[in-house]
Amino acid sequence: MNPIFKQGPSPQHRLVLVLLLSAALIFFDHRMSSFETARGYLQSLVSPLQFIANAPKQMLTWASENVVTRQQLMKENQQYRENELLSHEQGLQLNIVKKENERLRLLLASPLRSEVKPMLAEILSVDSDPYTHQVLINRGARDGVYEGQPVLDEQGIVGQILHVGARSSRVILITDLSVAVPVRVQRNGLRLIASGSGRIDRLIHNFVPHSADVKSGDVLVTSGLGGKYPEGYPVAKVVLVNTDESREFATIYSQPVAQIDRLRYLLLLSKEKPVSMFASKKNKAVKDKGENKKDIQKDKGSN
């Protein structure tokens, strides 16, 4: 049953009242800051609820940041380790290059006569046979290498070319048992023969009389006899002189000045234009044809 008379204001009046009240509150709060204290209390009451509400999000954010940071640190550490290894390896290569440069400088600064033309060569391999002292170098007939060509390092005579290939050659060292080098004592000019002993640190000097003026410490240089080695290049240093009268000759040993066991780069000396073993057969045929032609002309002239 509907009441006869309606009680209270109408909805329109309520809306207008609420709007007026809201405008008044906004005005007083904006102009006079009347509700700052109340707002502070309300904020204090609501803060724990806001913290509780934001806690799951903050925990997830913290966890994700920590996981990403750990993975990033592990990746950076791995990168640093790799960089350290690369830097260490580059440092080793730099030391090797520096040592090679020092060797090359010493080699190129070794005393050479003006009429001798040097050629730089690098050792490719060392003969594994313990009874022969030979090395293989990266120079051959195409570079002008010829058999018997003298070879030295920055200290002195090393050996001579034994066999020549197109792009490589074999060097026999002065310590080989089959090698003998004519030398002289630098101090007094006494001539000796330095023979290989089969040991890289010893040369033998046979048939030297007891009266020979040879002393320990004497430097032996090439004498130039035989035409194999230019005169005046260091060969060895006398380390033992034994003048036992019970023996027919004195026992004399010397040590090569060249670092036979540490050879890397060598100098090849050349005084004359080499004759290549790989010369063209066509050139040889032309030469023979010219000689035959001259012989025929001589025969016609005599007739």
Foldseek 3Di string as FASTA:
>chain_A
DDDPDDDDDDPVVVVVVVVVVVVVVVVCCVPPVPCVVVVVVVCVVCVVVVCVVCVVVVVVVVVVVVVVVVVVVVVVVVVVVVVVVVVVVVVVVVVVVVVVVVQVVLFVPADDDPLKDKDKWWWDAFDPDLQFGKTKIQAAVCNQFDFLWWKDGSFWTFATWHAGDPGMTMGGGQQHQVHKAWKAFPVPGHIWIWGHDSDQFKTWTPDAALPDPDDAQTWIWGCCPPVSDHGDTTFWGWHDWANDVVDGHITTMTTGRGPSVDDTMMMTIDNDRDDGPPDDVVVVVVVVVVVVVVVVVVVVVVD
